[in-house]
Amino acid sequence: MHLGPTLERDVQRRSAVRYKLRLPVIFHWNDGIERTSGGFTSDVALDGALILCSTCPTVGSEVRIEVLIPSPNHSHEELRIECVGRVSRAVTLPGFSAFGVQGMFDDDHLTRLGFS
């Protein structure tokens, strides 16, 4: 998917190693109303992520994202890692929207989810 020259250039300038991962994400923000939406990561790093979605929070908004990581061994367990950060950029192009969030992913925000 082509993100446009400005967004691709911003992604390339990152100091943290980015991983091209397409993982489901749920995100929450408040713009006067509590909002929740979903999308997929385009890339992820320890200091943030690029989220592909249909609705973007505005630049500067505080956002809490939950990235769902399926178990690699196909067990009934998945991981959820959360990050609270700020929307650093947003772009809307025909057919999709995306936003970048700056915030830290760490082990303190990692949860194992078991399903029966």
Protein backbone atom coordinates (compact mmCIF):
# COMPACT_ATOMS: atom_id res chain seq x y z
CA MET A 1 0.00 0.00 0.00
CA HIS A 2 1.43 3.36 -1.01
CA LEU A 3 1.13 5.90 1.84
CA GLY A 4 2.23 8.98 -0.06
CA PRO A 5 5.68 10.58 -0.15
CA THR A 6 5.29 12.77 2.98
CA LEU A 7 4.11 10.00 5.29
CA GLU A 8 6.67 7.51 3.92
CA ARG A 9 9.47 10.06 4.44
CA ASP A 10 8.32 10.66 8.05
CA VAL A 11 8.25 6.91 8.72
CA GLN A 12 11.76 6.51 7.30
CA ARG A 13 13.17 9.25 9.60
CA ARG A 14 12.32 7.31 12.77
CA SER A 15 15.17 6.52 15.13
CA ALA A 16 13.67 3.29 16.54
CA VAL A 17 13.65 0.10 14.50
CA ARG A 18 10.29 -0.33 12.80
CA TYR A 19 8.71 -3.66 12.00
CA LYS A 20 6.30 -4.02 9.09
CA LEU A 21 3.51 -5.85 10.89
CA ARG A 22 -0.16 -5.99 10.02
CA LEU A 23 -1.82 -6.62 13.37
CA PRO A 24 -5.34 -5.78 14.53
CA VAL A 25 -5.59 -2.74 16.77
CA ILE A 26 -8.33 -1.09 18.82
CA PHE A 27 -7.83 2.56 19.73
CA HIS A 28 -9.59 4.95 22.09
CA TRP A 29 -9.58 8.74 22.29
CA ASN A 30 -11.70 11.60 23.58
CA ASP A 31 -12.53 14.66 21.49
CA GLY A 32 -15.32 15.74 23.82
CA ILE A 33 -16.91 12.33 23.33
CA GLU A 34 -15.31 9.00 24.24
CA ARG A 35 -14.55 7.25 20.95
CA THR A 36 -13.35 3.77 20.02
CA SER A 37 -12.39 2.52 16.59
CA GLY A 38 -10.26 -0.18 15.02
CA GLY A 39 -7.77 -0.76 12.29
CA PHE A 40 -4.47 -2.46 11.58
CA THR A 41 -0.87 -1.57 12.18
CA SER A 42 1.26 -0.83 9.16
CA ASP A 43 4.46 -0.72 11.18
CA VAL A 44 5.31 -0.89 14.87
CA ALA A 45 8.29 0.19 16.98
CA LEU A 46 8.94 0.47 20.70
CA ASP A 47 8.16 4.20 20.50
CA GLY A 48 4.95 4.12 18.45
CA ALA A 49 3.08 2.81 15.47
CA LEU A 50 1.44 3.70 12.19
CA ILE A 51 -2.24 2.72 12.20
CA LEU A 52 -4.36 2.19 9.06
CA CYS A 53 -8.02 2.89 9.83
CA SER A 54 -11.27 4.42 8.59
CA THR A 55 -11.45 7.15 11.28
CA CYS A 56 -8.44 9.06 12.63
CA PRO A 57 -8.16 10.97 15.87
CA THR A 58 -6.95 14.55 15.33
CA VAL A 59 -3.25 15.42 15.51
CA GLY A 60 -2.24 16.12 19.11
CA SER A 61 -4.97 13.91 20.60
CA GLU A 62 -4.07 11.51 23.38
CA VAL A 63 -4.87 8.00 22.21
CA ARG A 64 -4.72 4.58 23.86
CA ILE A 65 -4.03 1.77 21.42
CA GLU A 66 -4.32 -1.97 22.04
CA VAL A 67 -2.41 -4.15 19.58
CA LEU A 68 -3.54 -7.78 19.47
CA ILE A 69 -0.80 -10.31 18.77
CA PRO A 70 -1.95 -13.85 17.89
CA SER A 71 -0.11 -16.78 19.40
CA PRO A 72 2.62 -18.08 17.07
CA ASN A 73 1.86 -21.70 18.03
CA HIS A 74 -1.89 -21.47 17.27
CA SER A 75 -2.85 -21.99 20.90
CA HIS A 76 -5.95 -20.36 22.32
CA GLU A 77 -3.89 -17.53 23.75
CA GLU A 78 -3.02 -14.15 22.33
CA LEU A 79 -1.10 -11.18 23.62
CA ARG A 80 -2.35 -7.64 23.93
CA ILE A 81 0.10 -4.79 24.29
CA GLU A 82 -1.06 -1.27 25.05
CA CYS A 83 0.43 2.12 24.45
CA VAL A 84 -0.80 5.54 25.47
CA GLY A 85 0.58 8.30 23.30
CA ARG A 86 -0.13 11.31 21.11
CA VAL A 87 -1.23 11.38 17.50
CA SER A 88 1.78 12.85 15.69
CA ARG A 89 0.35 12.89 12.17
CA ALA A 90 -2.77 11.90 10.30
CA VAL A 91 -3.48 11.49 6.61
CA THR A 92 -6.64 10.76 4.68
CA LEU A 93 -6.35 9.53 1.12
CA PRO A 94 -8.99 8.05 -1.16
CA GLY A 95 -9.87 4.64 0.25
CA PHE A 96 -8.11 4.81 3.63
CA SER A 97 -6.83 6.90 6.49
CA ALA A 98 -3.78 6.48 8.70
CA PHE A 99 -2.28 8.08 11.77
CA GLY A 100 1.03 7.89 13.58
CA VAL A 101 1.12 7.61 17.35
CA GLN A 102 4.15 8.36 19.51
CA GLY A 103 4.23 6.51 22.81
CA MET A 104 6.11 3.66 24.45
CA PHE A 105 5.25 -0.03 24.26
CA ASP A 106 6.75 -1.92 27.21
CA ASP A 107 6.35 -5.11 29.22
CA ASP A 108 4.27 -3.32 31.86
CA HIS A 109 1.48 -3.05 29.29
CA LEU A 110 1.57 -6.64 28.03
CA THR A 111 -1.39 -8.91 28.82
CA ARG A 112 -1.88 -12.58 28.00
CA LEU A 113 -5.43 -13.38 26.94
CA GLY A 114 -6.52 -17.01 27.14
CA PHE A 115 -9.58 -18.34 25.30
CA SER A 116 -11.32 -21.62 25.88
